[in-house]
C-alpha atoms as a PDB file:
ATOM      1  CA  MET A   1       8.715   5.175  -3.471  1.00  0.00           C
ATOM      2  CA  LYS A   2       7.267   7.368  -5.931  1.00  0.00           C
ATOM      3  CA  SER A   3       5.659   6.474  -9.141  1.00  0.00           C
ATOM      4  CA  ARG A   4       8.435   7.793 -11.322  1.00  0.00           C
ATOM      5  CA  ASN A   5      10.839   5.628  -9.446  1.00  0.00           C
ATOM      6  CA  ALA A   6       8.707   2.519 -10.299  1.00  0.00           C
ATOM      7  CA  LEU A   7       8.779   3.707 -13.853  1.00  0.00           C
ATOM      8  CA  LYS A   8      12.519   4.044 -13.804  1.00  0.00           C
ATOM      9  CA  VAL A   9      12.860   0.442 -12.597  1.00  0.00           C
ATOM     10  CA  LEU A  10      10.472  -0.789 -15.327  1.00  0.00           C
ATOM     11  CA  GLU A  11      12.389   1.105 -18.027  1.00  0.00           C
ATOM     12  CA  GLU A  12      15.843  -0.142 -16.699  1.00  0.00           C
ATOM     13  CA  GLN A  13      14.510  -3.644 -16.886  1.00  0.00           C
ATOM     14  CA  ASN A  14      12.894  -3.183 -20.417  1.00  0.00           C
ATOM     15  CA  ILE A  15       9.570  -4.036 -19.148  1.00  0.00           C
ATOM     16  CA  PRO A  16       6.586  -2.832 -21.274  1.00  0.00           C
ATOM     17  CA  TYR A  17       4.001  -0.837 -19.444  1.00  0.00           C
ATOM     18  CA  SER A  18       0.967   1.371 -19.781  1.00  0.00           C
ATOM     19  CA  ILE A  19      -0.011   4.287 -17.539  1.00  0.00           C
ATOM     20  CA  VAL A  20      -3.570   4.422 -16.511  1.00  0.00           C
ATOM     21  CA  PRO A  21      -4.628   8.154 -16.190  1.00  0.00           C
ATOM     22  CA  TYR A  22      -6.908   7.367 -13.233  1.00  0.00           C
ATOM     23  CA  LEU A  23      -6.757  11.022 -12.015  1.00  0.00           C
ATOM     24  CA  GLU A  24      -8.550  12.000 -15.150  1.00  0.00           C
ATOM     25  CA  GLY A  25     -11.706  10.007 -13.996  1.00  0.00           C
ATOM     26  CA  THR A  26     -10.975   6.855 -16.130  1.00  0.00           C
ATOM     27  CA  LEU A  27     -11.330   4.464 -13.152  1.00  0.00           C
ATOM     28  CA  ASP A  28     -14.872   3.231 -12.412  1.00  0.00           C
ATOM     29  CA  ILE A  29     -16.071   0.964  -9.540  1.00  0.00           C
ATOM     30  CA  ASN A  30     -15.767  -2.130 -11.621  1.00  0.00           C
ATOM     31  CA  ASP A  31     -12.126  -1.402 -12.598  1.00  0.00           C
ATOM     32  CA  LEU A  32     -11.374  -0.608  -8.987  1.00  0.00           C
ATOM     33  CA  LYS A  33     -13.090  -3.926  -7.743  1.00  0.00           C
ATOM     34  CA  ASP A  34     -10.981  -5.813 -10.357  1.00  0.00           C
ATOM     35  CA  LEU A  35      -7.868  -4.178  -9.159  1.00  0.00           C
ATOM     36  CA  LEU A  36      -8.567  -4.725  -5.475  1.00  0.00           C
ATOM     37  CA  SER A  37      -9.276  -8.439  -6.304  1.00  0.00           C
ATOM     38  CA  LYS A  38      -5.864  -8.795  -8.041  1.00  0.00           C
ATOM     39  CA  LEU A  39      -4.226  -6.945  -5.070  1.00  0.00           C
ATOM     40  CA  ARG A  40      -6.093  -9.104  -2.571  1.00  0.00           C
ATOM     41  CA  LEU A  41      -6.872  -5.951  -0.574  1.00  0.00           C
ATOM     42  CA  TYR A  42      -9.918  -4.060   0.678  1.00  0.00           C
ATOM     43  CA  PRO A  43     -10.617  -0.528  -0.537  1.00  0.00           C
ATOM     44  CA  SER A  44      -9.609   1.006   2.706  1.00  0.00           C
ATOM     45  CA  ASP A  45      -6.053  -0.725   2.279  1.00  0.00           C
ATOM     46  CA  ILE A  46      -5.135   1.455  -0.695  1.00  0.00           C
ATOM     47  CA  VAL A  47      -6.176   4.826   0.679  1.00  0.00           C
ATOM     48  CA  ARG A  48      -3.420   7.408   0.977  1.00  0.00           C
ATOM     49  CA  LYS A  49      -3.802   8.205   4.693  1.00  0.00           C
ATOM     50  CA  THR A  50      -1.203  10.970   4.580  1.00  0.00           C
ATOM     51  CA  ASP A  51      -3.216  12.908   1.973  1.00  0.00           C
ATOM     52  CA  ALA A  52      -4.737  16.123   3.344  1.00  0.00           C
ATOM     53  CA  LEU A  53      -8.156  15.224   1.768  1.00  0.00           C
ATOM     54  CA  TYR A  54      -8.232  11.937   3.744  1.00  0.00           C
ATOM     55  CA  LYS A  55      -7.218  13.798   7.017  1.00  0.00           C
ATOM     56  CA  GLU A  56      -9.902  16.490   6.537  1.00  0.00           C
ATOM     57  CA  TYR A  57     -12.982  14.387   5.444  1.00  0.00           C
ATOM     58  CA  TYR A  58     -12.325  10.734   6.077  1.00  0.00           C
ATOM     59  CA  LYS A  59      -9.920  10.074   8.971  1.00  0.00           C
ATOM     60  CA  GLY A  60     -11.437   8.490  11.990  1.00  0.00           C
ATOM     61  CA  LYS A  61     -14.826   7.689  10.237  1.00  0.00           C
ATOM     62  CA  ASP A  62     -16.035   4.189   9.673  1.00  0.00           C
ATOM     63  CA  PHE A  63     -16.976   3.363   5.977  1.00  0.00           C
ATOM     64  CA  SER A  64     -18.183   0.177   4.382  1.00  0.00           C
ATOM     65  CA  ASN A  65     -16.239  -1.360   1.447  1.00  0.00           C
ATOM     66  CA  VAL A  66     -18.978  -0.025  -0.896  1.00  0.00           C
ATOM     67  CA  GLU A  67     -18.645   3.569   0.481  1.00  0.00           C
ATOM     68  CA  TRP A  68     -14.819   3.405   0.118  1.00  0.00           C
ATOM     69  CA  LEU A  69     -15.291   2.296  -3.541  1.00  0.00           C
ATOM     70  CA  GLU A  70     -17.357   5.309  -4.136  1.00  0.00           C
ATOM     71  CA  ILE A  71     -15.040   7.636  -2.204  1.00  0.00           C
ATOM     72  CA  LEU A  72     -11.960   6.408  -4.147  1.00  0.00           C
ATOM     73  CA  VAL A  73     -13.671   6.605  -7.616  1.00  0.00           C
ATOM     74  CA  ASN A  74     -14.891  10.198  -6.828  1.00  0.00           C
ATOM     75  CA  ASN A  75     -11.476  11.111  -5.211  1.00  0.00           C
ATOM     76  CA  PRO A  76      -8.883   9.180  -7.144  1.00  0.00           C
ATOM     77  CA  LYS A  77      -5.913  11.107  -5.719  1.00  0.00           C
ATOM     78  CA  LEU A  78      -6.642   9.181  -2.373  1.00  0.00           C
ATOM     79  CA  ILE A  79      -5.594   5.916  -4.140  1.00  0.00           C
ATOM     80  CA  GLU A  80      -2.138   4.727  -3.075  1.00  0.00           C
ATOM     81  CA  ARG A  81       0.311   4.581  -5.929  1.00  0.00           C
ATOM     82  CA  PRO A  82       2.049   3.233  -7.883  1.00  0.00           C
ATOM     83  CA  ILE A  83       0.135   0.065  -8.387  1.00  0.00           C
ATOM     84  CA  LEU A  84       1.522  -2.366 -11.002  1.00  0.00           C
ATOM     85  CA  PHE A  85      -0.850  -4.928 -12.598  1.00  0.00           C
ATOM     86  CA  ASN A  86      -1.166  -7.310 -15.319  1.00  0.00           C
ATOM     87  CA  ASP A  87      -4.054  -9.648 -16.320  1.00  0.00           C
ATOM     88  CA  LYS A  88      -3.324 -12.011 -13.458  1.00  0.00           C
ATOM     89  CA  ASP A  89      -1.882 -10.037 -10.393  1.00  0.00           C
ATOM     90  CA  ALA A  90      -1.268  -6.574  -8.934  1.00  0.00           C
ATOM     91  CA  VAL A  91       0.947  -5.163  -6.379  1.00  0.00           C
ATOM     92  CA  LEU A  92       1.362  -1.870  -4.535  1.00  0.00           C
ATOM     93  CA  GLY A  93       4.674  -0.381  -5.735  1.00  0.00           C
ATOM     94  CA  ARG A  94       5.810   0.630  -2.288  1.00  0.00           C
ATOM     95  CA  PRO A  95       8.300  -0.431  -1.074  1.00  0.00           C
ATOM     96  CA  ILE A  96      10.516  -0.778  -4.190  1.00  0.00           C
ATOM     97  CA  GLU A  97      10.995  -4.477  -3.339  1.00  0.00           C
ATOM     98  CA  ASN A  98       7.369  -5.098  -4.247  1.00  0.00           C
ATOM     99  CA  VAL A  99       8.124  -3.756  -7.799  1.00  0.00           C
ATOM    100  CA  ILE A 100      11.254  -5.949  -8.130  1.00  0.00           C
ATOM    101  CA  THR A 101       9.400  -9.093  -6.920  1.00  0.00           C
ATOM    102  CA  PHE A 102       6.494  -8.365  -9.362  1.00  0.00           C
ATOM    103  CA  ILE A 103       8.959  -7.975 -12.180  1.00  0.00           C
ATOM    104  CA  ASN A 104      10.824 -11.143 -11.295  1.00  0.00           C
ATOM    105  CA  LYS A 105       7.587 -13.152 -10.951  1.00  0.00           C
ATOM    106  CA  TYR A 106       6.146 -12.175 -14.267  1.00  0.00           C
ATOM    107  CA  TYR A 107       8.758 -10.817 -16.571  1.00  0.00           C
ATOM    108  CA  LYS A 108      12.129 -12.416 -15.831  1.00  0.00           C
ATOM    109  CA  LYS A 109      12.089 -16.140 -16.737  1.00  0.00           C
END
């Protein structure tokens, strides 16, 4: 599922959203820690392991959570996407069922 497919679902369901331009360097370590806490995941869990950058520089190497935070903040294209979040929770938007479950939980009463 691509990010634009998640956007399509949000638009079809009339769910308000904002896009975080994280590729422009707007994400810092505290933001990422907060997001990971909502996701209930470790930094290595949200790494795009199919990305060429990962394969070339990080695959097969052992990094601590702190090191992964630095790597992801400095290389935001390595962050799995889409990620949907609100003030309480977050979810990886792959597969599409995650998006629908998130919408149903928080926006469909």
